[in-house]
Amino acid sequence: MLADILLVDDNCIQGTTRKAILVRSGGDVALACDGRQALAMLDQDGTLRPVGLVVTDHLMPGMNGPEFVAKLRLRYPDLPVLVLSGLADAEDEYQDLDVMFRVKPFPPDDLLALVRSLLTQPMGRTA
């Protein structure tokens, strides 16, 4: 069973699809439409159970992925973060932010396997 996951994606269709995939596998998943909303959800008592993983998009309006992760790291330095992006060269923007970076798209089974590994093993982060 997957631990609680906070999914951050400004694309409603992609976010809803990823959430459905993760929920079907036993995960309790909350969906935020941008970094500001995600931080607010994490900071509000009672909004979320303890989160074991954040899965975030890279390109988002208002606060992009690197800005979101930098703010997240100030509050939750050890929380595993998976960044998904269609831009392979965006990985450099996460230097020293301690994230796992993957280029999308990739099959749902690959997403589930990666999420399971991040929830059960120490992170072998790339950025």
Protein backbone atom coordinates (compact mmCIF):
# COMPACT_ATOMS: atom_id res chain seq x y z
CA MET A 1 0.00 0.00 0.00
CA LEU A 2 1.28 3.44 -0.87
CA ALA A 3 1.67 6.09 1.80
CA ASP A 4 -0.03 9.45 1.47
CA ILE A 5 1.06 11.37 -1.60
CA LEU A 6 0.70 15.03 -2.49
CA LEU A 7 0.45 15.41 -6.26
CA VAL A 8 1.09 18.90 -7.68
CA ASP A 9 0.08 19.54 -11.30
CA ASP A 10 -1.52 22.56 -12.94
CA ASN A 11 -2.85 20.40 -15.80
CA CYS A 12 -6.21 19.13 -14.55
CA ILE A 13 -6.35 16.16 -16.93
CA GLN A 14 -2.81 14.96 -16.21
CA GLY A 15 -3.18 15.50 -12.47
CA THR A 16 -6.52 13.70 -12.30
CA THR A 17 -5.18 10.82 -14.39
CA ARG A 18 -2.07 10.41 -12.23
CA LYS A 19 -4.16 10.63 -9.08
CA ALA A 20 -6.50 7.88 -10.33
CA ILE A 21 -3.53 5.64 -11.13
CA LEU A 22 -2.04 6.11 -7.67
CA VAL A 23 -5.38 5.77 -5.85
CA ARG A 24 -6.18 2.49 -7.64
CA SER A 25 -2.96 1.05 -6.28
CA GLY A 26 -3.96 1.82 -2.71
CA GLY A 27 -2.55 5.29 -2.26
CA ASP A 28 -4.27 8.16 -0.49
CA VAL A 29 -3.54 11.04 -2.87
CA ALA A 30 -4.27 14.74 -2.51
CA LEU A 31 -4.12 16.92 -5.63
CA ALA A 32 -2.94 20.55 -5.64
CA CYS A 33 -3.14 22.68 -8.78
CA ASP A 34 0.04 24.67 -8.07
CA GLY A 35 2.93 25.08 -5.66
CA ARG A 36 1.25 27.71 -3.52
CA GLN A 37 -1.79 25.53 -2.95
CA ALA A 38 0.44 22.53 -2.17
CA LEU A 39 2.41 24.46 0.46
CA ALA A 40 -0.81 25.75 1.99
CA MET A 41 -2.20 22.21 2.15
CA LEU A 42 0.94 20.95 3.85
CA ASP A 43 0.92 23.81 6.35
CA GLN A 44 -2.75 23.47 7.38
CA ASP A 45 -3.36 21.17 10.31
CA GLY A 46 -5.90 18.50 9.52
CA THR A 47 -5.93 19.06 5.76
CA LEU A 48 -3.63 16.13 5.01
CA ARG A 49 -2.42 13.18 6.94
CA PRO A 50 1.36 13.03 7.09
CA VAL A 51 2.66 13.04 3.53
CA GLY A 52 5.25 10.45 2.56
CA LEU A 53 5.96 11.75 -0.95
CA VAL A 54 5.44 14.81 -3.12
CA VAL A 55 5.08 14.29 -6.87
CA THR A 56 5.28 17.58 -8.74
CA ASP A 57 5.26 18.91 -12.25
CA HIS A 58 8.08 21.15 -13.41
CA LEU A 59 6.31 23.86 -15.41
CA MET A 60 3.49 25.53 -13.48
CA PRO A 61 2.17 29.09 -13.45
CA GLY A 62 2.96 31.38 -10.54
CA MET A 63 5.58 29.14 -8.93
CA ASN A 64 7.50 26.69 -11.07
CA GLY A 65 8.84 23.35 -9.85
CA PRO A 66 12.27 24.54 -8.66
CA GLU A 67 10.73 27.46 -6.74
CA PHE A 68 8.16 25.15 -5.16
CA VAL A 69 10.75 22.54 -4.16
CA ALA A 70 13.09 25.21 -2.72
CA LYS A 71 10.26 26.49 -0.49
CA LEU A 72 9.23 22.94 0.36
CA ARG A 73 12.81 22.09 1.41
CA LEU A 74 12.82 24.98 3.92
CA ARG A 75 9.85 23.41 5.72
CA TYR A 76 10.31 19.71 4.98
CA PRO A 77 13.99 19.02 4.23
CA ASP A 78 13.68 15.21 4.28
CA LEU A 79 10.40 14.73 2.40
CA PRO A 80 10.94 12.66 -0.76
CA VAL A 81 10.13 14.60 -3.96
CA LEU A 82 9.61 13.23 -7.45
CA VAL A 83 9.73 15.84 -10.22
CA LEU A 84 8.11 15.00 -13.55
CA SER A 85 8.93 17.06 -16.62
CA GLY A 86 8.68 16.86 -20.37
CA LEU A 87 11.95 18.81 -20.54
CA ALA A 88 15.01 16.64 -20.01
CA ASP A 89 17.32 19.62 -19.55
CA ALA A 90 15.20 20.96 -16.67
CA GLU A 91 16.95 18.57 -14.28
CA ASP A 92 19.79 21.09 -13.89
CA GLU A 93 17.35 23.52 -12.24
CA TYR A 94 17.03 21.14 -9.26
CA GLN A 95 20.71 21.07 -8.41
CA ASP A 96 21.15 20.66 -4.63
CA LEU A 97 17.37 20.34 -4.03
CA ASP A 98 17.58 16.59 -3.35
CA VAL A 99 14.88 15.32 -5.74
CA MET A 100 14.28 12.37 -8.03
CA PHE A 101 13.83 13.76 -11.56
CA ARG A 102 12.13 11.84 -14.38
CA VAL A 103 11.23 12.82 -17.92
CA LYS A 104 7.61 12.20 -18.89
CA PRO A 105 5.66 10.65 -20.38
CA PHE A 106 6.18 7.14 -19.12
CA PRO A 107 3.81 4.20 -18.56
CA PRO A 108 1.58 4.09 -15.46
CA ASP A 109 3.26 0.90 -14.25
CA ASP A 110 6.63 2.68 -14.31
CA LEU A 111 5.16 5.56 -12.28
CA LEU A 112 3.76 3.13 -9.71
CA ALA A 113 7.04 1.25 -9.43
CA LEU A 114 8.99 4.47 -8.98
CA VAL A 115 6.58 5.81 -6.36
CA ARG A 116 6.70 2.52 -4.45
CA SER A 117 10.48 2.57 -4.46
CA LEU A 118 10.59 6.17 -3.21
CA LEU A 119 8.19 5.34 -0.38
CA THR A 120 10.02 2.22 0.75
CA GLN A 121 13.71 2.84 0.08
CA PRO A 122 16.14 5.68 0.67
CA MET A 123 16.10 8.05 -2.26
CA GLY A 124 18.68 7.61 -4.96
CA ARG A 125 18.11 11.14 -6.12
CA THR A 126 19.54 12.56 -9.29
CA ALA A 127 19.49 16.29 -8.72
